[in-house]
Amino acid sequence: MTLILDYLILCSFTFGLVTALYIGLKTIKLI
């Protein structure tokens, strides 16, 4: 159970990081 929870936290963290990088790159391209 904890393993699944850790995996979900890791996935959400990675997804958030990728989204932040993507938004950052789009912002840089707009400037």
N, C-alpha and C. Protein backbone atom coordinates (compact mmCIF):
# COMPACT_ATOMS: atom_id res chain seq x y z
N MET A 1 0.84 -1.21 0.00
CA MET A 1 0.00 0.00 0.00
C MET A 1 0.87 1.26 0.00
N THR A 2 1.87 1.30 0.86
CA THR A 2 2.75 2.47 0.94
C THR A 2 3.56 2.62 -0.35
N LEU A 3 3.90 1.49 -0.97
CA LEU A 3 4.67 1.51 -2.21
C LEU A 3 3.88 2.21 -3.32
N ILE A 4 2.58 1.89 -3.40
CA ILE A 4 1.70 2.51 -4.39
C ILE A 4 1.58 4.01 -4.11
N LEU A 5 1.46 4.36 -2.83
CA LEU A 5 1.34 5.75 -2.43
C LEU A 5 2.60 6.53 -2.80
N ASP A 6 3.76 5.95 -2.52
CA ASP A 6 5.04 6.57 -2.88
C ASP A 6 5.15 6.76 -4.39
N TYR A 7 4.70 5.76 -5.14
CA TYR A 7 4.73 5.81 -6.61
C TYR A 7 3.84 6.94 -7.12
N LEU A 8 2.65 7.07 -6.53
CA LEU A 8 1.72 8.13 -6.93
C LEU A 8 2.28 9.51 -6.63
N ILE A 9 2.91 9.67 -5.46
CA ILE A 9 3.53 10.94 -5.07
C ILE A 9 4.66 11.28 -6.04
N LEU A 10 5.48 10.29 -6.37
CA LEU A 10 6.58 10.48 -7.31
C LEU A 10 6.07 10.88 -8.69
N CYS A 11 5.01 10.22 -9.15
CA CYS A 11 4.41 10.52 -10.46
C CYS A 11 3.85 11.94 -10.49
N SER A 12 3.12 12.32 -9.45
CA SER A 12 2.55 13.66 -9.39
C SER A 12 3.64 14.73 -9.31
N PHE A 13 4.72 14.45 -8.58
CA PHE A 13 5.84 15.38 -8.47
C PHE A 13 6.53 15.55 -9.82
N THR A 14 6.78 14.43 -10.50
CA THR A 14 7.42 14.46 -11.82
C THR A 14 6.54 15.19 -12.83
N PHE A 15 5.23 14.92 -12.78
CA PHE A 15 4.29 15.58 -13.68
C PHE A 15 4.27 17.08 -13.45
N GLY A 16 4.29 17.49 -12.17
CA GLY A 16 4.32 18.91 -11.83
C GLY A 16 5.60 19.57 -12.31
N LEU A 17 6.71 18.87 -12.18
CA LEU A 17 8.00 19.39 -12.61
C LEU A 17 8.02 19.59 -14.13
N VAL A 18 7.53 18.59 -14.86
CA VAL A 18 7.47 18.66 -16.33
C VAL A 18 6.56 19.80 -16.77
N THR A 19 5.41 19.94 -16.11
CA THR A 19 4.47 21.01 -16.43
C THR A 19 5.10 22.37 -16.19
N ALA A 20 5.81 22.52 -15.07
CA ALA A 20 6.48 23.78 -14.74
C ALA A 20 7.54 24.12 -15.79
N LEU A 21 8.32 23.13 -16.21
CA LEU A 21 9.34 23.33 -17.23
C LEU A 21 8.71 23.72 -18.56
N TYR A 22 7.61 23.06 -18.93
CA TYR A 22 6.90 23.34 -20.17
C TYR A 22 6.36 24.78 -20.18
N ILE A 23 5.74 25.20 -19.08
CA ILE A 23 5.21 26.55 -18.95
C ILE A 23 6.35 27.57 -19.00
N GLY A 24 7.46 27.24 -18.34
CA GLY A 24 8.64 28.11 -18.34
C GLY A 24 9.19 28.30 -19.74
N LEU A 25 9.28 27.22 -20.51
CA LEU A 25 9.78 27.29 -21.88
C LEU A 25 8.84 28.11 -22.77
N LYS A 26 7.54 27.94 -22.60
CA LYS A 26 6.56 28.71 -23.38
C LYS A 26 6.67 30.19 -23.05
N THR A 27 6.88 30.51 -21.76
CA THR A 27 7.02 31.90 -21.33
C THR A 27 8.28 32.52 -21.93
N ILE A 28 9.38 31.76 -21.95
CA ILE A 28 10.64 32.24 -22.52
C ILE A 28 10.46 32.50 -24.03
N LYS A 29 9.74 31.61 -24.71
CA LYS A 29 9.51 31.77 -26.15
C LYS A 29 8.66 33.01 -26.44
N LEU A 30 7.72 33.32 -25.54
CA LEU A 30 6.87 34.50 -25.72
C LEU A 30 7.66 35.78 -25.56
N ILE A 31 8.67 35.76 -24.67
CA ILE A 31 9.54 36.92 -24.44
C ILE A 31 10.62 36.97 -25.52
